[in-house]
Amino acid sequence: MPFMYNIPAAPFLLDDIRHLQSSATFNGKIVGFKIETTSCGRAETLLALDFSLDISTDRVIDVSGNNRHSILTNAPTRAVTGHDWDASQNDWTHASYGYGALHCHDDDLDDAAWETSFELRIPSKLRSGCYGVHVDDGVTQDIIPFIVRPDLKTRKPPLVALIMPTFTCIAHANEHLYDETRDVHFADQKLKRDQYLDTLEKRSDLGISLYDGHSDVSSTCYSSSKRPILNMRPNYSFWAHGGPRGLSADLWYMGFLERELGSHGYDVITDHELSEYDESLLKRYEVLVSGSHPECSTYNMLKSYGSYLEDSGHFITFGLPPGNWHHSLTGEAGGLWRTRGRPSNQLFGIGSCVVGVAHGVGYGITEEARSDPWLAFLFHGAGLETARTIGDFGLIQKAASGDGIDRLEFDLGTLQNAVIVATSKLTGGHWDGYHLLTEESTVLRANTTGTTSEKIRSDLVFFETATGGAIFSAGSMNWVGAFAWKNYENNVAQITANALHEFRHRKESTGA
């Protein structure tokens, strides 16, 4: 958190400030900081920090002429409106004034700055995947996860890559939406407790997520991985429904790929690598599979996905697809991609529309899909030849459609050749515990709950691209919970496996 110091009245060297202990915290905006001395009627400026300079960095410039430039600790929010802001420009990067203030919060956290406890050398030939370090002090235990990326010098990678949504994990890191004393929270939830929730309640020093408001009710702009992230653990259970979420859920996808492709049949990459290497990373693979909650994407990530799909790529995505939230690494404003004219429907056929933590529902297979000979490859095995419903079971919220869900919407850019393979509306739809998201109803509107709105539904969508690629999109975060039901021996895992192997065989048959 940003520090406030009690400066002693006795003479001191300015460099001694770094050794002082913080005695209080401050919530609020500061437009500048100055230290002046007066002796014999003569004023001298020792320090004058101007927060309007070098805004995109942690560096603060001293304009007193003494060159005592400083470094901000724990990332208080920069580029916020100051006393001279007049609303004439809403982008600080194009403004010459108005955004020179600094907003400090007592719950800011950039780097926990813990001392190193141990170092681990990773074997150079370790295959890509998710691993964990088990730590045990005799009283408590923990598993600290880490992801090993593939050796990008390998000439012939496997056909398939799983993209772990690490930006989403960091956006949700240590979220406090269970806490009804905070301004932003889920109301009236009976908490499903685990060791990580208990720890998070006791340890305010572990910071908050982008979904939490600061303690002064201002919005949270930054989230960091330089701290223990308690909801990014392999045995984490979400407090709202008691099942895996995020990383702990995505491990089920790894188990599925191990089952279908073998241990060397796929690579594991992350949002971080994609952000660094762009489409060149994606084009190493013929089929991409997302994690269960890949909603946070930078501009370059969406550009890379678009380039991959234009190059006849094949993609399988699950629940809140890439391109929901604009995740910024450059200081530009974040927000919803939909409000910037790039909803995820344009690339992946579906877009986020609803969130809810009530019981989920299954999907009804549509007659259009069942009668389409081009989709016959989806309907074999696990009783799919005659099934009318799929996913009316699950390890999370009791069914395949639940938590965050997505639907096809032609008005938002879904390609016209997209087919709804199955939809939750054909099994009765969701309960009133599911509500349209705010972007779905920007004005006061009736009929916004599960039983009253046709817009509240989860769709399973398939379509082919003009360049010979294809997308299979399951519009539910909880697809993974049904997926892993009975050790993957079920129709949800089967229909996904059918899509996966069809995509692989298409590429193999074309010699790609």
Protein backbone atom coordinates (compact mmCIF):
# COMPACT_ATOMS: atom_id res chain seq x y z
CA MET A 1 0.00 0.00 0.00
CA PRO A 2 1.22 3.59 -0.52
CA PHE A 3 2.95 4.95 2.57
CA MET A 4 2.47 8.12 4.60
CA TYR A 5 5.41 9.07 6.81
CA ASN A 6 5.70 11.08 10.00
CA ILE A 7 8.66 13.37 9.25
CA PRO A 8 10.68 14.21 12.39
CA ALA A 9 11.01 17.85 13.36
CA ALA A 10 14.79 17.56 13.86
CA PRO A 11 17.08 18.09 10.87
CA PHE A 12 17.44 15.01 8.68
CA LEU A 13 18.77 13.96 5.32
CA LEU A 14 16.14 13.51 2.61
CA ASP A 15 17.58 10.05 1.85
CA ASP A 16 16.58 9.01 5.37
CA ILE A 17 12.91 8.89 4.31
CA ARG A 18 13.40 5.40 2.91
CA HIS A 19 14.24 4.13 6.40
CA LEU A 20 11.15 5.54 8.07
CA GLN A 21 8.33 3.21 9.12
CA SER A 22 4.85 3.85 7.78
CA SER A 23 2.49 5.03 10.49
CA ALA A 24 -0.71 5.49 8.52
CA THR A 25 -2.27 4.90 5.13
CA PHE A 26 -4.01 7.33 2.85
CA ASN A 27 -7.00 6.94 0.56
CA GLY A 28 -7.42 9.72 -1.93
CA LYS A 29 -5.94 11.73 -4.78
CA ILE A 30 -2.71 13.76 -4.71
CA VAL A 31 -1.73 16.12 -7.51
CA GLY A 32 1.78 16.83 -6.25
CA PHE A 33 4.17 16.56 -3.33
CA LYS A 34 6.59 19.26 -2.18
CA ILE A 35 9.04 19.72 0.69
CA GLU A 36 10.22 23.24 1.40
CA THR A 37 12.41 24.70 4.15
CA THR A 38 12.53 28.24 5.37
CA SER A 39 15.61 29.74 7.01
CA CYS A 40 16.10 33.42 7.82
CA GLY A 41 13.10 34.26 5.70
CA ARG A 42 14.46 32.41 2.68
CA ALA A 43 12.50 29.46 1.23
CA GLU A 44 14.23 26.55 -0.41
CA THR A 45 12.51 23.71 -2.24
CA LEU A 46 14.09 20.36 -1.43
CA LEU A 47 11.66 18.19 -3.35
CA ALA A 48 8.81 18.82 -5.80
CA LEU A 49 7.26 15.69 -7.29
CA ASP A 50 5.15 16.15 -10.41
CA PHE A 51 2.78 13.21 -10.92
CA SER A 52 1.80 14.36 -14.42
CA LEU A 53 5.17 13.33 -15.86
CA ASP A 54 6.22 9.79 -16.86
CA ILE A 55 2.68 8.58 -16.10
CA SER A 56 3.18 5.23 -17.83
CA THR A 57 5.93 4.25 -15.38
CA ASP A 58 6.47 3.90 -11.62
CA ARG A 59 8.94 6.78 -11.78
CA VAL A 60 8.05 10.17 -10.29
CA ILE A 61 9.97 13.20 -11.51
CA ASP A 62 11.38 15.81 -9.14
CA VAL A 63 11.01 19.22 -10.80
CA SER A 64 12.77 21.14 -8.01
CA GLY A 65 16.06 20.98 -9.88
CA ASN A 66 17.59 18.70 -7.25
CA ASN A 67 17.00 15.54 -9.31
CA ARG A 68 15.61 13.59 -6.37
CA HIS A 69 13.44 11.43 -8.60
CA SER A 70 11.41 8.75 -6.85
CA ILE A 71 9.82 5.37 -7.39
CA LEU A 72 6.21 4.62 -6.46
CA THR A 73 5.53 1.61 -4.28
CA ASN A 74 2.58 -0.78 -4.82
CA ALA A 75 1.17 0.94 -7.89
CA PRO A 76 -1.22 3.65 -6.78
CA THR A 77 -3.42 4.53 -9.74
CA ARG A 78 -1.90 7.01 -12.15
CA ALA A 79 -3.50 9.09 -14.91
CA VAL A 80 -6.52 9.95 -12.78
CA THR A 81 -8.37 13.24 -13.00
CA GLY A 82 -6.98 16.20 -11.12
CA HIS A 83 -8.27 19.64 -10.17
CA ASP A 84 -7.77 20.92 -13.72
CA TRP A 85 -9.77 18.16 -15.46
CA ASP A 86 -12.61 19.58 -17.58
CA ALA A 87 -13.89 16.49 -19.48
CA SER A 88 -12.61 17.80 -22.80
CA GLN A 89 -10.49 14.66 -23.37
CA ASN A 90 -11.29 11.16 -22.09
CA ASP A 91 -7.95 9.58 -23.05
CA TRP A 92 -5.02 10.66 -20.89
CA THR A 93 -2.51 9.69 -23.57
CA HIS A 94 -3.92 12.43 -25.80
CA ALA A 95 -4.48 15.02 -23.07
CA SER A 96 -2.06 17.83 -22.25
CA TYR A 97 -3.63 18.43 -18.83
CA GLY A 98 -6.25 17.08 -16.46
CA TYR A 99 -4.78 13.64 -15.69
CA GLY A 100 -1.86 14.49 -13.45
CA ALA A 101 -3.22 13.16 -10.16
CA LEU A 102 -2.25 10.03 -8.26
CA HIS A 103 -4.93 7.97 -6.47
CA CYS A 104 -3.64 6.15 -3.39
CA HIS A 105 -5.48 3.30 -1.67
CA ASP A 106 -4.74 1.49 1.55
CA ASP A 107 -5.30 -1.84 -0.27
CA ASP A 108 -3.03 -1.18 -3.28
CA LEU A 109 -0.60 -4.03 -3.87
CA ASP A 110 1.87 -4.43 -6.70
CA ASP A 111 4.58 -6.62 -5.19
CA ALA A 112 4.29 -8.37 -1.84
CA ALA A 113 8.12 -8.27 -1.77
CA TRP A 114 8.51 -11.42 0.29
CA GLU A 115 12.01 -12.69 0.83
CA THR A 116 13.00 -15.69 -1.28
CA SER A 117 12.33 -18.94 0.57
CA PHE A 118 13.69 -21.32 -2.05
CA GLU A 119 14.61 -21.53 -5.72
CA LEU A 120 13.68 -24.34 -8.09
CA ARG A 121 15.66 -25.19 -11.20
CA ILE A 122 13.39 -26.58 -13.93
CA PRO A 123 14.87 -29.44 -15.98
CA SER A 124 15.43 -28.27 -19.53
CA LYS A 125 13.62 -31.27 -21.03
CA LEU A 126 10.54 -31.03 -18.83
CA ARG A 127 7.50 -31.08 -21.11
CA SER A 128 5.09 -28.17 -21.07
CA GLY A 129 2.29 -28.36 -18.54
CA CYS A 130 1.08 -27.26 -15.13
CA TYR A 131 3.16 -28.30 -12.14
CA GLY A 132 3.10 -27.59 -8.43
CA VAL A 133 5.51 -27.20 -5.54
CA HIS A 134 4.18 -28.84 -2.38
CA VAL A 135 5.22 -26.92 0.74
CA ASP A 136 4.65 -28.15 4.29
CA ASP A 137 5.84 -26.46 7.49
CA GLY A 138 4.39 -29.14 9.74
CA VAL A 139 1.29 -27.07 10.49
CA THR A 140 -0.12 -26.04 7.13
CA GLN A 141 0.35 -27.19 3.56
CA ASP A 142 0.06 -25.54 0.18
CA ILE A 143 0.66 -26.32 -3.49
CA ILE A 144 2.19 -23.44 -5.42
CA PRO A 145 1.41 -23.87 -9.14
CA PHE A 146 3.64 -22.93 -12.04
CA ILE A 147 3.36 -23.51 -15.77
CA VAL A 148 6.22 -24.71 -17.95
CA ARG A 149 5.92 -23.46 -21.50
CA PRO A 150 7.08 -25.49 -24.52
CA ASP A 151 10.49 -25.18 -26.05
CA LEU A 152 9.74 -22.86 -28.95
CA LYS A 153 12.82 -24.09 -30.79
CA THR A 154 11.18 -27.48 -31.31
CA ARG A 155 10.84 -27.95 -35.05
CA LYS A 156 7.70 -30.07 -35.02
CA PRO A 157 5.34 -29.32 -32.13
CA PRO A 158 2.20 -31.39 -31.53
CA LEU A 159 -0.93 -30.48 -33.47
CA VAL A 160 -2.81 -29.23 -30.41
CA ALA A 161 -2.19 -26.56 -27.78
CA LEU A 162 -4.15 -25.75 -24.63
CA ILE A 163 -4.14 -22.03 -23.83
CA MET A 164 -4.21 -21.46 -20.07
CA PRO A 165 -6.05 -18.16 -19.39
CA THR A 166 -3.48 -16.70 -17.01
CA PHE A 167 -4.63 -13.11 -17.55
CA THR A 168 -8.09 -14.08 -16.33
CA CYS A 169 -6.53 -15.77 -13.29
CA ILE A 170 -4.67 -12.58 -12.42
CA ALA A 171 -7.74 -10.40 -13.03
CA HIS A 172 -9.67 -12.53 -10.51
CA ALA A 173 -6.72 -12.94 -8.15
CA ASN A 174 -7.81 -13.03 -4.49
CA GLU A 175 -11.25 -11.63 -5.29
CA HIS A 176 -13.44 -10.64 -2.34
CA LEU A 177 -16.88 -10.78 -3.98
CA TYR A 178 -18.08 -12.93 -1.07
CA ASP A 179 -17.61 -10.02 1.38
CA GLU A 180 -20.96 -8.26 1.83
CA THR A 181 -19.30 -5.43 3.77
CA ARG A 182 -17.62 -4.29 0.57
CA ASP A 183 -19.34 -2.07 -1.96
CA VAL A 184 -19.00 -4.68 -4.75
CA HIS A 185 -20.16 -8.19 -3.81
CA PHE A 186 -22.50 -11.07 -4.61
CA ALA A 187 -25.56 -10.65 -2.42
CA ASP A 188 -27.11 -13.28 -0.17
CA GLN A 189 -24.62 -16.06 -0.77
CA LYS A 190 -24.11 -18.98 1.58
CA LEU A 191 -20.36 -19.43 1.54
CA LYS A 192 -18.75 -22.78 0.77
CA ARG A 193 -15.62 -22.46 2.84
CA ASP A 194 -12.13 -23.84 2.26
CA GLN A 195 -8.66 -23.12 3.62
CA TYR A 196 -8.02 -20.42 1.04
CA LEU A 197 -11.15 -18.44 1.86
CA ASP A 198 -10.28 -18.63 5.55
CA THR A 199 -6.78 -17.35 4.83
CA LEU A 200 -7.99 -14.58 2.53
CA GLU A 201 -10.32 -13.27 5.24
CA LYS A 202 -7.39 -13.04 7.66
CA ARG A 203 -4.78 -11.63 5.29
CA SER A 204 -5.72 -8.23 3.89
CA ASP A 205 -2.09 -7.81 2.82
CA LEU A 206 -2.64 -10.24 -0.09
CA GLY A 207 -4.54 -7.62 -2.06
CA ILE A 208 -7.72 -7.60 -4.10
CA SER A 209 -8.82 -8.34 -7.66
CA LEU A 210 -9.98 -6.23 -10.59
CA TYR A 211 -13.53 -7.23 -9.67
CA ASP A 212 -13.33 -5.69 -6.20
CA GLY A 213 -13.72 -2.03 -5.41
CA HIS A 214 -11.05 -0.37 -3.28
CA SER A 215 -11.90 0.37 0.35
CA ASP A 216 -12.72 3.97 -0.65
CA VAL A 217 -15.17 2.55 -3.26
CA SER A 218 -13.09 3.66 -6.24
CA SER A 219 -12.52 1.16 -9.05
CA THR A 220 -9.57 -1.23 -9.10
CA CYS A 221 -7.28 -0.83 -12.11
CA TYR A 222 -4.32 -3.10 -11.41
CA SER A 223 -3.79 -6.70 -10.44
CA SER A 224 -0.44 -8.39 -9.92
CA SER A 225 0.97 -11.92 -9.86
CA LYS A 226 3.75 -10.89 -7.46
CA ARG A 227 1.86 -12.19 -4.43
CA PRO A 228 0.30 -15.48 -3.32
CA ILE A 229 -2.85 -15.97 -5.41
CA LEU A 230 -5.04 -18.18 -3.25
CA ASN A 231 -7.72 -18.84 -5.86
CA MET A 232 -5.05 -20.01 -8.30
CA ARG A 233 -4.43 -23.31 -6.58
CA PRO A 234 -5.05 -26.85 -7.88
CA ASN A 235 -7.34 -27.68 -4.94
CA TYR A 236 -9.20 -24.35 -4.87
CA SER A 237 -13.01 -24.41 -4.56
CA PHE A 238 -15.10 -21.38 -5.48
CA TRP A 239 -16.91 -20.04 -2.41
CA ALA A 240 -20.20 -19.53 -4.31
CA HIS A 241 -20.77 -23.06 -5.60
CA GLY A 242 -18.11 -25.17 -3.92
CA GLY A 243 -16.58 -26.47 -7.14
CA PRO A 244 -13.32 -25.81 -9.00
CA ARG A 245 -12.96 -22.54 -10.88
CA GLY A 246 -10.15 -21.04 -12.89
CA LEU A 247 -6.92 -23.01 -12.71
CA SER A 248 -8.40 -25.81 -10.61
CA ALA A 249 -11.11 -26.35 -13.25
CA ASP A 250 -8.68 -26.14 -16.17
CA LEU A 251 -6.73 -29.08 -14.79
CA TRP A 252 -9.72 -31.19 -15.84
CA TYR A 253 -9.12 -30.08 -19.43
CA MET A 254 -5.54 -31.25 -19.11
CA GLY A 255 -6.80 -34.60 -17.88
CA PHE A 256 -9.08 -34.80 -20.91
CA LEU A 257 -6.26 -34.04 -23.34
CA GLU A 258 -4.04 -36.62 -21.66
CA ARG A 259 -6.82 -39.15 -22.15
CA GLU A 260 -7.51 -38.26 -25.77
CA LEU A 261 -4.04 -37.37 -27.08
CA GLY A 262 -1.50 -38.80 -24.66
CA SER A 263 1.10 -36.96 -22.63
CA HIS A 264 3.00 -35.70 -25.68
CA GLY A 265 -0.01 -35.01 -27.88
CA TYR A 266 -0.44 -31.39 -26.87
CA ASP A 267 1.44 -28.36 -25.57
CA VAL A 268 0.39 -25.97 -22.82
CA ILE A 269 0.81 -22.25 -23.48
CA THR A 270 -0.52 -19.21 -21.62
CA ASP A 271 -1.87 -15.73 -22.22
CA HIS A 272 1.54 -14.41 -21.22
CA GLU A 273 3.34 -16.22 -24.05
CA LEU A 274 0.64 -15.24 -26.53
CA SER A 275 0.98 -11.60 -25.52
CA GLU A 276 4.75 -11.85 -26.00
CA TYR A 277 4.94 -13.82 -29.26
CA ASP A 278 1.65 -12.91 -30.99
CA GLU A 279 0.24 -15.06 -33.81
CA SER A 280 3.59 -16.71 -34.53
CA LEU A 281 3.04 -18.77 -31.39
CA LEU A 282 -0.50 -19.79 -32.34
CA LYS A 283 0.44 -20.76 -35.88
CA ARG A 284 2.74 -23.47 -34.58
CA TYR A 285 -0.44 -25.45 -33.88
CA GLU A 286 -3.31 -26.72 -36.00
CA VAL A 287 -5.91 -26.89 -33.21
CA LEU A 288 -6.23 -24.57 -30.21
CA VAL A 289 -8.21 -25.36 -27.07
CA SER A 290 -9.02 -22.66 -24.53
CA GLY A 291 -9.34 -22.99 -20.78
CA SER A 292 -12.67 -22.66 -19.00
CA HIS A 293 -12.69 -18.89 -18.50
CA PRO A 294 -10.52 -17.13 -21.10
CA GLU A 295 -12.36 -13.81 -21.08
CA CYS A 296 -9.46 -11.34 -20.61
CA SER A 297 -7.68 -10.41 -23.84
CA THR A 298 -5.32 -7.68 -24.93
CA TYR A 299 -5.66 -6.04 -28.33
CA ASN A 300 -2.67 -8.00 -29.62
CA MET A 301 -4.21 -11.26 -28.42
CA LEU A 302 -7.44 -10.63 -30.33
CA LYS A 303 -5.40 -9.62 -33.37
CA SER A 304 -3.46 -12.89 -33.06
CA TYR A 305 -6.62 -14.98 -32.72
CA GLY A 306 -8.08 -13.28 -35.78
CA SER A 307 -4.93 -13.93 -37.81
CA TYR A 308 -4.87 -17.57 -36.71
CA LEU A 309 -8.50 -18.13 -37.72
CA GLU A 310 -7.99 -16.34 -41.04
CA ASP A 311 -5.17 -18.80 -41.68
CA SER A 312 -7.61 -21.75 -41.51
CA GLY A 313 -7.06 -22.39 -37.83
CA HIS A 314 -9.34 -24.62 -35.74
CA PHE A 315 -10.43 -23.50 -32.28
CA ILE A 316 -12.35 -25.05 -29.37
CA THR A 317 -13.37 -22.63 -26.64
CA PHE A 318 -15.33 -22.92 -23.42
CA GLY A 319 -17.19 -20.37 -21.33
CA LEU A 320 -16.76 -16.58 -21.62
CA PRO A 321 -14.58 -16.80 -24.74
CA PRO A 322 -11.57 -14.57 -25.45
CA GLY A 323 -12.56 -11.02 -26.18
CA ASN A 324 -14.96 -10.29 -23.34
CA TRP A 325 -12.80 -8.00 -21.20
CA HIS A 326 -10.12 -5.72 -22.61
CA HIS A 327 -7.04 -6.55 -20.56
CA SER A 328 -4.51 -3.74 -20.87
CA LEU A 329 -0.77 -4.07 -20.32
CA THR A 330 0.11 -0.62 -21.65
CA GLY A 331 -1.79 1.83 -19.47
CA GLU A 332 -4.64 2.32 -21.92
CA ALA A 333 -8.17 2.11 -20.57
CA GLY A 334 -9.57 -1.39 -20.15
CA GLY A 335 -13.24 -2.33 -20.18
CA LEU A 336 -15.51 -4.47 -22.32
CA TRP A 337 -14.50 -5.27 -25.87
CA ARG A 338 -18.18 -5.20 -26.74
CA THR A 339 -18.39 -1.47 -25.95
CA ARG A 340 -15.39 -0.91 -28.22
CA GLY A 341 -17.15 -2.59 -31.13
CA ARG A 342 -15.35 -5.97 -30.92
CA PRO A 343 -17.61 -8.43 -29.12
CA SER A 344 -16.30 -11.98 -28.90
CA ASN A 345 -19.18 -13.13 -31.14
CA GLN A 346 -17.25 -11.85 -34.14
CA LEU A 347 -14.45 -14.38 -33.68
CA PHE A 348 -15.95 -17.21 -31.66
CA GLY A 349 -19.68 -17.09 -32.42
CA ILE A 350 -20.80 -16.57 -28.82
CA GLY A 351 -20.58 -13.78 -26.27
CA SER A 352 -21.02 -13.39 -22.54
CA CYS A 353 -24.54 -12.53 -21.48
CA VAL A 354 -25.35 -13.92 -18.03
CA VAL A 355 -23.83 -14.88 -14.70
CA GLY A 356 -25.45 -16.87 -11.92
CA VAL A 357 -24.56 -19.22 -9.09
CA ALA A 358 -27.86 -21.12 -8.82
CA HIS A 359 -28.14 -24.70 -10.07
CA GLY A 360 -27.24 -25.15 -13.71
CA VAL A 361 -29.15 -26.90 -16.49
CA GLY A 362 -28.34 -29.19 -19.41
CA TYR A 363 -28.64 -28.60 -23.14
CA GLY A 364 -31.21 -29.73 -25.67
CA ILE A 365 -29.85 -30.75 -29.07
CA THR A 366 -31.44 -28.72 -31.86
CA GLU A 367 -33.21 -30.30 -34.82
CA GLU A 368 -31.16 -28.13 -37.19
CA ALA A 369 -27.92 -29.65 -35.91
CA ARG A 370 -29.28 -33.19 -35.73
CA SER A 371 -30.43 -33.07 -39.37
CA ASP A 372 -27.29 -31.41 -40.77
CA PRO A 373 -25.05 -34.05 -42.44
CA TRP A 374 -22.03 -31.76 -42.05
CA LEU A 375 -22.41 -32.07 -38.26
CA ALA A 376 -22.87 -35.85 -38.13
CA PHE A 377 -19.31 -36.22 -36.79
CA LEU A 378 -20.44 -34.67 -33.51
CA PHE A 379 -23.09 -37.29 -32.75
CA HIS A 380 -21.46 -40.61 -32.17
CA GLY A 381 -20.47 -42.38 -28.97
CA ALA A 382 -21.80 -42.09 -25.41
CA GLY A 383 -25.40 -42.36 -26.68
CA LEU A 384 -25.16 -39.19 -28.79
CA GLU A 385 -26.69 -41.00 -31.77
CA THR A 386 -30.13 -40.78 -30.15
CA ALA A 387 -29.69 -38.32 -27.26
CA ARG A 388 -32.03 -35.37 -27.04
CA THR A 389 -30.21 -33.70 -24.14
CA ILE A 390 -26.60 -33.46 -23.05
CA GLY A 391 -24.96 -32.23 -19.87
CA ASP A 392 -27.90 -32.60 -17.49
CA PHE A 393 -25.30 -33.64 -14.90
CA GLY A 394 -22.08 -32.18 -13.58
CA LEU A 395 -19.59 -31.74 -10.80
CA ILE A 396 -20.24 -27.97 -10.62
CA GLN A 397 -23.76 -26.64 -10.06
CA LYS A 398 -25.09 -30.07 -11.10
CA ALA A 399 -25.12 -29.42 -14.87
CA ALA A 400 -23.09 -28.30 -17.86
CA SER A 401 -24.62 -24.82 -18.24
CA GLY A 402 -23.95 -22.52 -15.31
CA ASP A 403 -21.88 -19.76 -13.69
CA GLY A 404 -20.92 -17.47 -16.61
CA ILE A 405 -22.76 -18.38 -19.81
CA ASP A 406 -22.73 -17.21 -23.43
CA ARG A 407 -25.07 -17.22 -26.41
CA LEU A 408 -25.02 -16.88 -30.16
CA GLU A 409 -26.12 -13.43 -31.35
CA PHE A 410 -26.11 -12.55 -35.05
CA ASP A 411 -26.71 -8.88 -34.24
CA LEU A 412 -23.35 -8.83 -32.43
CA GLY A 413 -21.39 -10.29 -35.30
CA THR A 414 -21.81 -14.06 -35.14
CA LEU A 415 -21.23 -15.41 -38.66
CA GLN A 416 -24.45 -16.24 -40.48
CA ASN A 417 -23.40 -19.85 -41.13
CA ALA A 418 -23.10 -20.58 -37.39
CA VAL A 419 -25.33 -23.38 -36.11
CA ILE A 420 -26.64 -23.78 -32.58
CA VAL A 421 -25.84 -27.41 -31.89
CA ALA A 422 -27.55 -27.38 -28.50
CA THR A 423 -29.05 -24.76 -26.19
CA SER A 424 -30.10 -24.54 -22.57
CA LYS A 425 -33.51 -23.17 -23.58
CA LEU A 426 -34.54 -26.59 -24.89
CA THR A 427 -34.20 -28.08 -21.39
CA GLY A 428 -36.37 -25.44 -19.73
CA GLY A 429 -33.78 -22.71 -19.34
CA HIS A 430 -32.14 -21.20 -16.30
CA TRP A 431 -33.69 -20.17 -13.01
CA ASP A 432 -34.23 -16.58 -11.90
CA GLY A 433 -30.91 -16.75 -10.05
CA TYR A 434 -29.39 -15.95 -13.45
CA HIS A 435 -29.45 -12.28 -14.49
CA LEU A 436 -28.50 -10.47 -17.68
CA LEU A 437 -25.20 -8.66 -17.42
CA THR A 438 -25.24 -4.87 -17.43
CA GLU A 439 -24.01 -4.62 -21.02
CA GLU A 440 -27.17 -6.50 -22.05
CA SER A 441 -29.51 -3.92 -20.52
CA THR A 442 -27.97 -0.45 -20.45
CA VAL A 443 -31.34 1.12 -19.60
CA LEU A 444 -33.92 0.03 -17.04
CA ARG A 445 -35.57 -3.02 -18.53
CA ALA A 446 -38.02 -5.69 -17.42
CA ASN A 447 -37.64 -9.43 -18.03
CA THR A 448 -33.94 -9.79 -17.19
CA THR A 449 -33.98 -13.08 -15.27
CA GLY A 450 -33.69 -16.72 -16.28
CA THR A 451 -37.39 -17.53 -16.60
CA THR A 452 -38.39 -14.23 -18.22
CA SER A 453 -35.74 -13.48 -20.86
CA GLU A 454 -35.03 -15.26 -24.13
CA LYS A 455 -31.57 -13.71 -24.01
CA ILE A 456 -30.64 -15.79 -20.97
CA ARG A 457 -29.39 -18.98 -22.49
CA SER A 458 -26.21 -20.92 -23.11
CA ASP A 459 -25.52 -22.12 -26.63
CA LEU A 460 -23.22 -24.77 -28.06
CA VAL A 461 -22.16 -23.41 -31.46
CA PHE A 462 -20.29 -24.72 -34.49
CA PHE A 463 -19.29 -22.89 -37.67
CA GLU A 464 -16.67 -22.98 -40.38
CA THR A 465 -14.63 -20.02 -41.56
CA ALA A 466 -14.20 -18.82 -45.13
CA THR A 467 -10.59 -20.04 -45.19
CA GLY A 468 -11.36 -23.63 -44.15
CA GLY A 469 -11.02 -23.35 -40.40
CA ALA A 470 -13.71 -24.11 -37.85
CA ILE A 471 -14.82 -23.13 -34.32
CA PHE A 472 -16.57 -25.23 -31.69
CA SER A 473 -17.76 -22.97 -28.85
CA ALA A 474 -19.39 -24.16 -25.63
CA GLY A 475 -21.04 -21.21 -23.93
CA SER A 476 -20.61 -22.14 -20.29
CA MET A 477 -17.87 -21.96 -17.69
CA ASN A 478 -19.32 -25.10 -16.15
CA TRP A 479 -18.96 -27.18 -19.31
CA VAL A 480 -15.80 -28.44 -17.61
CA GLY A 481 -17.76 -29.75 -14.61
CA ALA A 482 -19.94 -31.96 -16.78
CA PHE A 483 -16.94 -32.75 -18.94
CA ALA A 484 -15.13 -34.51 -16.06
CA TRP A 485 -18.25 -36.31 -14.79
CA LYS A 486 -17.60 -40.06 -14.29
CA ASN A 487 -14.00 -39.71 -15.41
CA TYR A 488 -14.94 -38.26 -18.82
CA GLU A 489 -17.30 -41.13 -19.65
CA ASN A 490 -20.25 -38.93 -20.66
CA ASN A 491 -21.85 -37.18 -23.63
CA VAL A 492 -20.32 -33.74 -22.90
CA ALA A 493 -16.77 -35.08 -22.98
CA GLN A 494 -17.68 -37.23 -26.00
CA ILE A 495 -19.07 -34.45 -28.16
CA THR A 496 -16.02 -32.34 -27.32
CA ALA A 497 -13.70 -35.23 -28.17
CA ASN A 498 -15.54 -35.68 -31.47
CA ALA A 499 -14.89 -32.04 -32.35
CA LEU A 500 -11.25 -32.29 -31.27
CA HIS A 501 -10.51 -35.39 -33.35
CA GLU A 502 -12.44 -34.10 -36.36
CA PHE A 503 -10.34 -30.94 -36.31
CA ARG A 504 -7.12 -32.94 -36.00
CA HIS A 505 -8.06 -35.30 -38.82
CA ARG A 506 -8.95 -32.42 -41.11
CA LYS A 507 -5.50 -30.97 -40.68
CA GLU A 508 -3.79 -34.32 -41.04
CA SER A 509 -5.71 -35.09 -44.23
CA THR A 510 -4.71 -31.78 -45.81
CA GLY A 511 -1.07 -32.39 -44.94
CA ALA A 512 -0.89 -29.34 -42.70
